C-alpha atoms as a PDB file:
ATOM      1  CA  UNK A   1      64.672  -6.345 158.534  1.00  0.00           C
ATOM      2  CA  UNK A   2      61.729  -4.335 157.264  1.00  0.00           C
ATOM      3  CA  UNK A   3      61.586  -3.575 153.597  1.00  0.00           C
ATOM      4  CA  UNK A   4      62.274  -0.053 152.444  1.00  0.00           C
ATOM      5  CA  UNK A   5      59.292   2.289 152.536  1.00  0.00           C
ATOM      6  CA  UNK A   6      58.698   5.517 150.714  1.00  0.00           C
ATOM      7  CA  UNK A   7      59.932   8.418 152.808  1.00  0.00           C
ATOM      8  CA  UNK A   8      59.386  12.075 152.116  1.00  0.00           C
ATOM      9  CA  UNK A   9      62.920  13.107 153.007  1.00  0.00           C
ATOM     10  CA  UNK A  10      66.211  11.810 151.630  1.00  0.00           C
ATOM     11  CA  UNK A  11      67.206   9.091 154.121  1.00  0.00           C
ATOM     12  CA  UNK A  12      70.782  10.321 154.060  1.00  0.00           C
ATOM     13  CA  UNK A  13      73.204  11.806 156.567  1.00  0.00           C
ATOM     14  CA  UNK A  14      71.683  15.281 156.157  1.00  0.00           C
ATOM     15  CA  UNK A  15      68.275  14.095 157.302  1.00  0.00           C
ATOM     16  CA  UNK A  16      69.799  11.921 160.030  1.00  0.00           C
ATOM     17  CA  UNK A  17      71.652  14.952 161.364  1.00  0.00           C
ATOM     18  CA  UNK A  18      68.415  16.940 161.347  1.00  0.00           C
ATOM     19  CA  UNK A  19      66.701  14.217 163.368  1.00  0.00           C
ATOM     20  CA  UNK A  20      69.544  14.024 165.879  1.00  0.00           C
ATOM     21  CA  UNK A  21      69.687  17.797 166.314  1.00  0.00           C
ATOM     22  CA  UNK A  22      65.910  17.976 166.679  1.00  0.00           C
ATOM     23  CA  UNK A  23      66.113  15.437 169.501  1.00  0.00           C
ATOM     24  CA  UNK A  24      68.784  17.306 171.453  1.00  0.00           C
ATOM     25  CA  UNK A  25      67.013  20.635 171.049  1.00  0.00           C
ATOM     26  CA  UNK A  26      63.832  19.040 172.397  1.00  0.00           C
ATOM     27  CA  UNK A  27      65.706  17.653 175.415  1.00  0.00           C
ATOM     28  CA  UNK A  28      67.283  21.062 176.007  1.00  0.00           C
ATOM     29  CA  UNK A  29      63.823  22.652 176.063  1.00  0.00           C
ATOM     30  CA  UNK A  30      62.199  20.131 178.419  1.00  0.00           C
ATOM     31  CA  UNK A  31      65.220  19.041 180.440  1.00  0.00           C
ATOM     32  CA  UNK A  32      64.415  15.334 180.518  1.00  0.00           C
ATOM     33  CA  UNK A  33      63.971  12.195 178.439  1.00  0.00           C
ATOM     34  CA  UNK A  34      61.349  10.748 180.785  1.00  0.00           C
ATOM     35  CA  UNK A  35      59.005  13.068 182.672  1.00  0.00           C
ATOM     36  CA  UNK A  36      60.131  13.465 186.315  1.00  0.00           C
ATOM     37  CA  UNK A  37      56.743  12.212 187.572  1.00  0.00           C
ATOM     38  CA  UNK A  38      57.496   8.817 186.018  1.00  0.00           C
ATOM     39  CA  UNK A  39      59.732   6.750 188.262  1.00  0.00           C
ATOM     40  CA  UNK A  40      62.704   4.988 186.681  1.00  0.00           C
ATOM     41  CA  UNK A  41      64.054   3.514 189.925  1.00  0.00           C
ATOM     42  CA  UNK A  42      63.124  -0.035 188.960  1.00  0.00           C
ATOM     43  CA  UNK A  43      66.171  -1.701 187.412  1.00  0.00           C
ATOM     44  CA  UNK A  44      64.011  -4.100 185.384  1.00  0.00           C
ATOM     45  CA  UNK A  45      61.875  -1.607 183.496  1.00  0.00           C
ATOM     46  CA  UNK A  46      60.757  -2.395 179.974  1.00  0.00           C
ATOM     47  CA  UNK A  47      60.514   0.728 177.844  1.00  0.00           C
ATOM     48  CA  UNK A  48      59.190   1.133 174.293  1.00  0.00           C
ATOM     49  CA  UNK A  49      59.732   4.017 171.916  1.00  0.00           C
ATOM     50  CA  UNK A  50      57.210   4.102 169.089  1.00  0.00           C
ATOM     51  CA  UNK A  51      58.112   5.726 165.791  1.00  0.00           C
ATOM     52  CA  UNK A  52      57.041   5.764 162.196  1.00  0.00           C
ATOM     53  CA  UNK A  53      59.316   5.582 159.206  1.00  0.00           C
ATOM     54  CA  UNK A  54      56.641   5.968 156.576  1.00  0.00           C
ATOM     55  CA  UNK A  55      55.920   9.005 154.511  1.00  0.00           C
ATOM     56  CA  UNK A  56      54.705  10.063 151.118  1.00  0.00           C
ATOM     57  CA  UNK A  57      54.637  13.073 148.883  1.00  0.00           C
ATOM     58  CA  UNK A  58      51.592  14.855 147.520  1.00  0.00           C
ATOM     59  CA  UNK A  59      52.205  17.705 145.100  1.00  0.00           C
ATOM     60  CA  UNK A  60      55.760  17.710 146.331  1.00  0.00           C
ATOM     61  CA  UNK A  61      54.880  18.368 149.977  1.00  0.00           C
ATOM     62  CA  UNK A  62      55.068  15.835 152.773  1.00  0.00           C
ATOM     63  CA  UNK A  63      51.911  14.048 153.767  1.00  0.00           C
ATOM     64  CA  UNK A  64      53.439  12.544 156.866  1.00  0.00           C
ATOM     65  CA  UNK A  65      56.506  13.281 158.924  1.00  0.00           C
ATOM     66  CA  UNK A  66      58.727  10.538 160.266  1.00  0.00           C
ATOM     67  CA  UNK A  67      59.572  10.772 163.927  1.00  0.00           C
ATOM     68  CA  UNK A  68      62.628   8.562 163.603  1.00  0.00           C
ATOM     69  CA  UNK A  69      63.475   9.342 167.244  1.00  0.00           C
ATOM     70  CA  UNK A  70      63.350   5.608 167.941  1.00  0.00           C
ATOM     71  CA  UNK A  71      67.073   5.196 167.681  1.00  0.00           C
ATOM     72  CA  UNK A  72      68.307   8.517 169.134  1.00  0.00           C
ATOM     73  CA  UNK A  73      65.869   8.757 172.070  1.00  0.00           C
ATOM     74  CA  UNK A  74      66.528   5.173 173.162  1.00  0.00           C
ATOM     75  CA  UNK A  75      70.293   5.184 172.631  1.00  0.00           C
ATOM     76  CA  UNK A  76      70.527   8.489 174.493  1.00  0.00           C
ATOM     77  CA  UNK A  77      68.315   7.159 177.302  1.00  0.00           C
ATOM     78  CA  UNK A  78      70.338   3.955 177.619  1.00  0.00           C
ATOM     79  CA  UNK A  79      73.249   5.842 179.202  1.00  0.00           C
ATOM     80  CA  UNK A  80      70.980   7.004 182.047  1.00  0.00           C
ATOM     81  CA  UNK A  81      69.574   3.610 183.033  1.00  0.00           C
ATOM     82  CA  UNK A  82      71.087   0.297 184.192  1.00  0.00           C
ATOM     83  CA  UNK A  83      71.786  -2.335 181.511  1.00  0.00           C
ATOM     84  CA  UNK A  84      69.098  -4.579 183.044  1.00  0.00           C
ATOM     85  CA  UNK A  85      66.418  -2.228 181.632  1.00  0.00           C
ATOM     86  CA  UNK A  86      64.973  -3.446 178.320  1.00  0.00           C
ATOM     87  CA  UNK A  87      64.670  -0.874 175.555  1.00  0.00           C
ATOM     88  CA  UNK A  88      62.543  -1.627 172.478  1.00  0.00           C
ATOM     89  CA  UNK A  89      62.223   0.541 169.398  1.00  0.00           C
ATOM     90  CA  UNK A  90      58.972  -0.132 167.546  1.00  0.00           C
ATOM     91  CA  UNK A  91      59.050   1.362 164.075  1.00  0.00           C
ATOM     92  CA  UNK A  92      57.747   0.700 160.600  1.00  0.00           C
ATOM     93  CA  UNK A  93      61.241   1.225 159.159  1.00  0.00           C
ATOM     94  CA  UNK A  94      64.734   0.478 160.436  1.00  0.00           C
ATOM     95  CA  UNK A  95      66.539   2.177 157.546  1.00  0.00           C
ATOM     96  CA  UNK A  96      67.965   4.959 159.729  1.00  0.00           C
ATOM     97  CA  UNK A  97      68.838   2.664 162.643  1.00  0.00           C
ATOM     98  CA  UNK A  98      72.528   1.890 163.291  1.00  0.00           C
ATOM     99  CA  UNK A  99      73.774  -1.667 162.761  1.00  0.00           C
ATOM    100  CA  UNK A 100      72.696  -4.028 165.531  1.00  0.00           C
ATOM    101  CA  UNK A 101      76.309  -4.401 166.689  1.00  0.00           C
ATOM    102  CA  UNK A 102      76.434  -0.657 167.423  1.00  0.00           C
ATOM    103  CA  UNK A 103      73.266  -0.505 169.505  1.00  0.00           C
ATOM    104  CA  UNK A 104      73.306  -0.843 173.291  1.00  0.00           C
ATOM    105  CA  UNK A 105      73.130  -4.498 174.307  1.00  0.00           C
ATOM    106  CA  UNK A 106      69.810  -4.002 176.060  1.00  0.00           C
ATOM    107  CA  UNK A 107      68.177  -2.357 173.021  1.00  0.00           C
ATOM    108  CA  UNK A 108      66.222  -4.072 170.256  1.00  0.00           C
ATOM    109  CA  UNK A 109      64.427  -2.680 167.208  1.00  0.00           C
ATOM    110  CA  UNK A 110      61.275  -4.327 165.955  1.00  0.00           C
ATOM    111  CA  UNK A 111      59.049  -3.715 162.949  1.00  0.00           C
ATOM    112  CA  UNK A 112      55.568  -2.530 163.881  1.00  0.00           C
ATOM    113  CA  UNK A 113      53.199   0.056 162.433  1.00  0.00           C
ATOM    114  CA  UNK A 114      51.342   1.830 165.248  1.00  0.00           C
ATOM    115  CA  UNK A 115      48.150   1.865 163.161  1.00  0.00           C
ATOM    116  CA  UNK A 116      48.053  -1.926 162.834  1.00  0.00           C
ATOM    117  CA  UNK A 117      47.209  -4.822 165.156  1.00  0.00           C
ATOM    118  CA  UNK A 118      49.624  -5.260 168.063  1.00  0.00           C
ATOM    119  CA  UNK A 119      51.596  -8.527 168.115  1.00  0.00           C
ATOM    120  CA  UNK A 120      50.352 -10.692 170.988  1.00  0.00           C
ATOM    121  CA  UNK A 121      53.723 -10.783 172.724  1.00  0.00           C
ATOM    122  CA  UNK A 122      53.780  -6.970 173.028  1.00  0.00           C
ATOM    123  CA  UNK A 123      50.391  -6.538 174.662  1.00  0.00           C
ATOM    124  CA  UNK A 124      50.630  -5.227 178.221  1.00  0.00           C
ATOM    125  CA  UNK A 125      54.385  -5.645 178.638  1.00  0.00           C
ATOM    126  CA  UNK A 126      55.766  -2.099 178.890  1.00  0.00           C
ATOM    127  CA  UNK A 127      56.252   0.046 181.968  1.00  0.00           C
ATOM    128  CA  UNK A 128      56.852   3.176 179.870  1.00  0.00           C
ATOM    129  CA  UNK A 129      55.776   3.874 176.290  1.00  0.00           C
ATOM    130  CA  UNK A 130      57.151   6.961 174.566  1.00  0.00           C
ATOM    131  CA  UNK A 131      55.989   8.580 171.327  1.00  0.00           C
ATOM    132  CA  UNK A 132      56.986  11.884 169.782  1.00  0.00           C
ATOM    133  CA  UNK A 133      56.528  13.925 166.603  1.00  0.00           C
ATOM    134  CA  UNK A 134      53.422  12.303 165.174  1.00  0.00           C
ATOM    135  CA  UNK A 135      51.691  15.648 164.609  1.00  0.00           C
ATOM    136  CA  UNK A 136      52.319  15.405 160.853  1.00  0.00           C
ATOM    137  CA  UNK A 137      51.399  11.730 160.685  1.00  0.00           C
ATOM    138  CA  UNK A 138      47.935  11.593 162.224  1.00  0.00           C
ATOM    139  CA  UNK A 139      44.668  13.202 161.239  1.00  0.00           C
ATOM    140  CA  UNK A 140      42.280  14.089 164.033  1.00  0.00           C
ATOM    141  CA  UNK A 141      40.280  10.911 163.512  1.00  0.00           C
ATOM    142  CA  UNK A 142      43.434   8.754 163.680  1.00  0.00           C
ATOM    143  CA  UNK A 143      44.461   9.826 167.167  1.00  0.00           C
ATOM    144  CA  UNK A 144      41.954   7.811 169.208  1.00  0.00           C
ATOM    145  CA  UNK A 145      42.789   4.535 167.471  1.00  0.00           C
ATOM    146  CA  UNK A 146      46.535   5.054 167.805  1.00  0.00           C
ATOM    147  CA  UNK A 147      46.123   5.961 171.473  1.00  0.00           C
ATOM    148  CA  UNK A 148      44.143   2.776 172.050  1.00  0.00           C
ATOM    149  CA  UNK A 149      47.006   0.750 170.580  1.00  0.00           C
ATOM    150  CA  UNK A 150      49.570   2.570 172.714  1.00  0.00           C
ATOM    151  CA  UNK A 151      47.546   1.911 175.862  1.00  0.00           C
ATOM    152  CA  UNK A 152      47.393  -1.798 175.013  1.00  0.00           C
ATOM    153  CA  UNK A 153      51.193  -1.894 175.004  1.00  0.00           C
ATOM    154  CA  UNK A 154      51.305  -0.686 178.615  1.00  0.00           C
ATOM    155  CA  UNK A 155      51.338  -2.996 181.601  1.00  0.00           C
ATOM    156  CA  UNK A 156      48.488  -2.611 184.099  1.00  0.00           C
ATOM    157  CA  UNK A 157      50.987  -3.186 186.892  1.00  0.00           C
ATOM    158  CA  UNK A 158      54.605  -2.120 186.884  1.00  0.00           C
ATOM    159  CA  UNK A 159      57.176  -4.775 186.086  1.00  0.00           C
ATOM    160  CA  UNK A 160      58.918  -4.447 189.440  1.00  0.00           C
ATOM    161  CA  UNK A 161      55.742  -5.264 191.327  1.00  0.00           C
ATOM    162  CA  UNK A 162      55.801  -8.807 189.955  1.00  0.00           C
ATOM    163  CA  UNK A 163      59.346  -9.753 190.902  1.00  0.00           C
ATOM    164  CA  UNK A 164      60.154 -12.340 193.540  1.00  0.00           C
ATOM    165  CA  UNK A 165      56.582 -13.333 194.350  1.00  0.00           C
ATOM    166  CA  UNK A 166      56.248 -17.064 194.832  1.00  0.00           C
ATOM    167  CA  UNK A 167      52.492 -17.665 195.007  1.00  0.00           C
ATOM    168  CA  UNK A 168      49.462 -16.404 193.052  1.00  0.00           C
ATOM    169  CA  UNK A 169      47.966 -14.927 196.241  1.00  0.00           C
ATOM    170  CA  UNK A 170      51.125 -12.966 196.973  1.00  0.00           C
ATOM    171  CA  UNK A 171      51.234 -11.823 193.354  1.00  0.00           C
ATOM    172  CA  UNK A 172      47.646 -10.579 193.449  1.00  0.00           C
ATOM    173  CA  UNK A 173      48.026  -8.848 196.795  1.00  0.00           C
ATOM    174  CA  UNK A 174      51.252  -7.075 195.905  1.00  0.00           C
ATOM    175  CA  UNK A 175      50.306  -6.177 192.345  1.00  0.00           C
ATOM    176  CA  UNK A 176      47.061  -4.571 193.459  1.00  0.00           C
ATOM    177  CA  UNK A 177      49.001  -1.932 195.391  1.00  0.00           C
ATOM    178  CA  UNK A 178      51.202  -0.885 192.473  1.00  0.00           C
ATOM    179  CA  UNK A 179      50.254   1.574 189.712  1.00  0.00           C
ATOM    180  CA  UNK A 180      50.279   0.710 186.040  1.00  0.00           C
ATOM    181  CA  UNK A 181      52.726   1.844 183.410  1.00  0.00           C
ATOM    182  CA  UNK A 182      52.892   5.265 181.747  1.00  0.00           C
ATOM    183  CA  UNK A 183      52.434   6.742 178.310  1.00  0.00           C
ATOM    184  CA  UNK A 184      54.497   9.818 177.441  1.00  0.00           C
ATOM    185  CA  UNK A 185      53.453  11.636 174.259  1.00  0.00           C
ATOM    186  CA  UNK A 186      55.347  14.721 173.053  1.00  0.00           C
ATOM    187  CA  UNK A 187      54.403  16.993 170.141  1.00  0.00           C
ATOM    188  CA  UNK A 188      54.789  20.478 168.687  1.00  0.00           C
ATOM    189  CA  UNK A 189      51.508  22.343 168.473  1.00  0.00           C
ATOM    190  CA  UNK A 190      51.529  23.486 164.866  1.00  0.00           C
ATOM    191  CA  UNK A 191      48.323  25.465 165.431  1.00  0.00           C
ATOM    192  CA  UNK A 192      50.297  27.701 167.818  1.00  0.00           C
ATOM    193  CA  UNK A 193      52.472  28.909 164.924  1.00  0.00           C
ATOM    194  CA  UNK A 194      53.699  32.447 165.121  1.00  0.00           C
ATOM    195  CA  UNK A 195      56.716  34.401 163.907  1.00  0.00           C
ATOM    196  CA  UNK A 196      58.999  35.843 166.571  1.00  0.00           C
ATOM    197  CA  UNK A 197      60.919  39.008 165.686  1.00  0.00           C
ATOM    198  CA  UNK A 198      63.948  40.606 167.284  1.00  0.00           C
ATOM    199  CA  UNK A 199      62.680  43.850 165.747  1.00  0.00           C
ATOM    200  CA  UNK A 200      58.953  44.485 165.092  1.00  0.00           C
ATOM    201  CA  UNK A 201      59.846  46.005 161.710  1.00  0.00           C
ATOM    202  CA  UNK A 202      61.521  42.838 160.420  1.00  0.00           C
ATOM    203  CA  UNK A 203      60.293  41.454 157.107  1.00  0.00           C
ATOM    204  CA  UNK A 204      58.655  37.999 157.346  1.00  0.00           C
ATOM    205  CA  UNK A 205      56.938  37.560 153.979  1.00  0.00           C
ATOM    206  CA  UNK A 206      59.062  34.608 152.808  1.00  0.00           C
ATOM    207  CA  UNK A 207      58.723  32.786 156.129  1.00  0.00           C
ATOM    208  CA  UNK A 208      54.944  32.993 155.921  1.00  0.00           C
ATOM    209  CA  UNK A 209      54.884  31.950 152.280  1.00  0.00           C
ATOM    210  CA  UNK A 210      56.922  28.809 152.924  1.00  0.00           C
ATOM    211  CA  UNK A 211      54.654  27.616 155.721  1.00  0.00           C
ATOM    212  CA  UNK A 212      51.540  28.380 153.662  1.00  0.00           C
ATOM    213  CA  UNK A 213      53.008  26.498 150.697  1.00  0.00           C
ATOM    214  CA  UNK A 214      53.398  23.423 152.885  1.00  0.00           C
ATOM    215  CA  UNK A 215      50.159  23.558 154.855  1.00  0.00           C
ATOM    216  CA  UNK A 216      47.935  24.097 151.837  1.00  0.00           C
ATOM    217  CA  UNK A 217      48.745  20.619 150.531  1.00  0.00           C
ATOM    218  CA  UNK A 218      47.405  18.361 153.287  1.00  0.00           C
ATOM    219  CA  UNK A 219      45.371  18.669 156.501  1.00  0.00           C
ATOM    220  CA  UNK A 220      48.028  16.720 158.407  1.00  0.00           C
ATOM    221  CA  UNK A 221      50.297  19.735 158.006  1.00  0.00           C
ATOM    222  CA  UNK A 222      47.817  21.785 160.030  1.00  0.00           C
ATOM    223  CA  UNK A 223      47.002  19.475 162.974  1.00  0.00           C
ATOM    224  CA  UNK A 224      44.757  20.779 165.742  1.00  0.00           C
ATOM    225  CA  UNK A 225      44.624  17.812 168.122  1.00  0.00           C
ATOM    226  CA  UNK A 226      47.819  18.351 170.102  1.00  0.00           C
ATOM    227  CA  UNK A 227      46.389  20.748 172.774  1.00  0.00           C
ATOM    228  CA  UNK A 228      43.567  18.247 173.357  1.00  0.00           C
ATOM    229  CA  UNK A 229      45.863  15.326 174.175  1.00  0.00           C
ATOM    230  CA  UNK A 230      45.230  15.481 177.931  1.00  0.00           C
ATOM    231  CA  UNK A 231      41.465  15.425 177.347  1.00  0.00           C
ATOM    232  CA  UNK A 232      41.840  12.521 174.919  1.00  0.00           C
ATOM    233  CA  UNK A 233      43.977  10.669 177.490  1.00  0.00           C
ATOM    234  CA  UNK A 234      41.277  11.095 180.132  1.00  0.00           C
ATOM    235  CA  UNK A 235      38.512   9.956 177.778  1.00  0.00           C
ATOM    236  CA  UNK A 236      40.550   6.804 177.093  1.00  0.00           C
ATOM    237  CA  UNK A 237      40.787   5.933 180.788  1.00  0.00           C
ATOM    238  CA  UNK A 238      44.289   7.086 181.616  1.00  0.00           C
ATOM    239  CA  UNK A 239      44.825   8.655 185.027  1.00  0.00           C
ATOM    240  CA  UNK A 240      47.408  10.866 186.763  1.00  0.00           C
ATOM    241  CA  UNK A 241      47.571  12.963 183.612  1.00  0.00           C
ATOM    242  CA  UNK A 242      50.070  15.806 183.472  1.00  0.00           C
ATOM    243  CA  UNK A 243      50.717  18.328 180.683  1.00  0.00           C
ATOM    244  CA  UNK A 244      54.079  20.068 180.373  1.00  0.00           C
ATOM    245  CA  UNK A 245      53.655  22.972 177.944  1.00  0.00           C
ATOM    246  CA  UNK A 246      56.689  25.020 176.937  1.00  0.00           C
ATOM    247  CA  UNK A 247      57.757  27.832 174.660  1.00  0.00           C
ATOM    248  CA  UNK A 248      61.429  28.045 173.770  1.00  0.00           C
ATOM    249  CA  UNK A 249      63.554  31.032 174.738  1.00  0.00           C
ATOM    250  CA  UNK A 250      64.426  33.143 171.676  1.00  0.00           C
ATOM    251  CA  UNK A 251      67.917  31.695 171.176  1.00  0.00           C
ATOM    252  CA  UNK A 252      66.569  28.137 171.389  1.00  0.00           C
ATOM    253  CA  UNK A 253      63.562  28.970 169.198  1.00  0.00           C
ATOM    254  CA  UNK A 254      65.993  30.199 166.541  1.00  0.00           C
ATOM    255  CA  UNK A 255      67.971  26.946 166.667  1.00  0.00           C
ATOM    256  CA  UNK A 256      64.747  24.911 166.379  1.00  0.00           C
ATOM    257  CA  UNK A 257      63.611  27.102 163.492  1.00  0.00           C
ATOM    258  CA  UNK A 258      66.854  26.592 161.555  1.00  0.00           C
ATOM    259  CA  UNK A 259      66.649  22.856 162.178  1.00  0.00           C
ATOM    260  CA  UNK A 260      63.110  22.796 160.750  1.00  0.00           C
ATOM    261  CA  UNK A 261      64.099  24.812 157.687  1.00  0.00           C
ATOM    262  CA  UNK A 262      66.190  21.902 156.462  1.00  0.00           C
ATOM    263  CA  UNK A 263      62.978  19.885 156.062  1.00  0.00           C
ATOM    264  CA  UNK A 264      61.890  22.045 153.156  1.00  0.00           C
ATOM    265  CA  UNK A 265      65.253  21.846 151.411  1.00  0.00           C
ATOM    266  CA  UNK A 266      65.161  18.067 151.756  1.00  0.00           C
ATOM    267  CA  UNK A 267      61.687  17.978 150.235  1.00  0.00           C
ATOM    268  CA  UNK A 268      62.874  20.080 147.327  1.00  0.00           C
ATOM    269  CA  UNK A 269      65.726  17.624 146.749  1.00  0.00           C
ATOM    270  CA  UNK A 270      63.408  14.622 146.590  1.00  0.00           C
ATOM    271  CA  UNK A 271      60.125  15.795 145.124  1.00  0.00           C
ATOM    272  CA  UNK A 272      59.206  15.037 141.540  1.00  0.00           C
ATOM    273  CA  UNK A 273      57.090  18.199 141.450  1.00  0.00           C
ATOM    274  CA  UNK A 274      59.367  20.704 139.778  1.00  0.00           C
ATOM    275  CA  UNK A 275      56.988  23.582 140.460  1.00  0.00           C
ATOM    276  CA  UNK A 276      57.097  23.051 144.221  1.00  0.00           C
ATOM    277  CA  UNK A 277      60.845  22.518 144.177  1.00  0.00           C
ATOM    278  CA  UNK A 278      61.355  25.789 142.302  1.00  0.00           C
ATOM    279  CA  UNK A 279      59.107  27.697 144.715  1.00  0.00           C
ATOM    280  CA  UNK A 280      60.978  26.334 147.724  1.00  0.00           C
ATOM    281  CA  UNK A 281      64.359  27.058 146.173  1.00  0.00           C
ATOM    282  CA  UNK A 282      63.281  30.593 145.252  1.00  0.00           C
ATOM    283  CA  UNK A 283      62.065  31.263 148.795  1.00  0.00           C
ATOM    284  CA  UNK A 284      65.074  29.883 150.688  1.00  0.00           C
ATOM    285  CA  UNK A 285      67.498  32.815 150.088  1.00  0.00           C
ATOM    286  CA  UNK A 286      64.862  35.290 151.298  1.00  0.00           C
ATOM    287  CA  UNK A 287      64.071  33.067 154.273  1.00  0.00           C
ATOM    288  CA  UNK A 288      67.782  32.946 155.133  1.00  0.00           C
ATOM    289  CA  UNK A 289      67.918  36.739 155.014  1.00  0.00           C
ATOM    290  CA  UNK A 290      64.797  37.137 157.181  1.00  0.00           C
ATOM    291  CA  UNK A 291      66.201  34.638 159.680  1.00  0.00           C
ATOM    292  CA  UNK A 292      69.539  36.441 159.801  1.00  0.00           C
ATOM    293  CA  UNK A 293      67.755  39.694 160.542  1.00  0.00           C
ATOM    294  CA  UNK A 294      66.092  38.106 163.579  1.00  0.00           C
ATOM    295  CA  UNK A 295      62.812  36.474 162.527  1.00  0.00           C
ATOM    296  CA  UNK A 296      61.921  32.841 163.111  1.00  0.00           C
ATOM    297  CA  UNK A 297      59.057  30.390 163.324  1.00  0.00           C
ATOM    298  CA  UNK A 298      57.947  29.550 166.857  1.00  0.00           C
ATOM    299  CA  UNK A 299      55.668  26.788 168.131  1.00  0.00           C
ATOM    300  CA  UNK A 300      54.457  25.796 171.578  1.00  0.00           C
ATOM    301  CA  UNK A 301      55.512  22.244 172.450  1.00  0.00           C
ATOM    302  CA  UNK A 302      53.715  19.724 174.636  1.00  0.00           C
ATOM    303  CA  UNK A 303      54.648  16.662 176.661  1.00  0.00           C
ATOM    304  CA  UNK A 304      51.636  14.826 178.085  1.00  0.00           C
ATOM    305  CA  UNK A 305      51.824  11.799 180.370  1.00  0.00           C
ATOM    306  CA  UNK A 306      49.169   9.453 181.692  1.00  0.00           C
ATOM    307  CA  UNK A 307      49.131   6.246 183.727  1.00  0.00           C
ATOM    308  CA  UNK A 308      47.239   3.115 182.804  1.00  0.00           C
ATOM    309  CA  UNK A 309      44.604   2.345 185.413  1.00  0.00           C
ATOM    310  CA  UNK A 310      43.426  -1.115 186.391  1.00  0.00           C
ATOM    311  CA  UNK A 311      40.973  -2.277 183.747  1.00  0.00           C
ATOM    312  CA  UNK A 312      42.024   0.390 181.237  1.00  0.00           C
END
């Protein structure tokens, strides 16, 4: 098991509930776990979900946000696929993962930091690689290197294309007709931030102050690379690229907003910076009032997929 790492939130049931709710709200918005253009008909797929459990605090505000969807996305997905599919969670921390005995039998969790060298036995083995909520983890100049690692995880040819072939010639002939595996990357576009109002006269001062308090501390809290993911995919050699860009309906945007608000309360509980904690605590009652009156944060969210081409 991986050793404990510093994490900006509290690593308790409150944060776990936030993560779980965030997942289900995301699925409600997009309507799928795996993009419909990615086939899951093969009963011997190997699927990886890449997460990060690391985080740190600077001036009391998070420097990086943990996705921690490794457990919930995979366990949720497992009910939709046959037990012959292999599901691997690749994460720098397993602290929030259920005990092994409570995971699906076809699911394994393995320690790996997406910014480090890939273990040899994971290179080119996955039919589908999924990653989500790294917007607060990566700076602009980190994205290309992480993408290169993700692409190396993906098989050039789908797993099913290599089954039951008895000779090298048959293997080569059949494999050459089958496409490679897919990367699916999903993120909120923080640069699309706006405040939605049920009434144009609603007060939103506290909502703006809280976001500004967070974003002023670190450039990773104001990422700009998410809308460029499709272009970055293409520059890295991926093909059959599709972007699914969605804005939540007002009732769903409100639920997502309230889920995100808990992040700031969790930071205030953990931070050693009393000044930041006091500012957050002072703002929260006003934010609750503004939210109740019908004002909420809203962000555009992206899911981008791309297929690994031969030689990629």
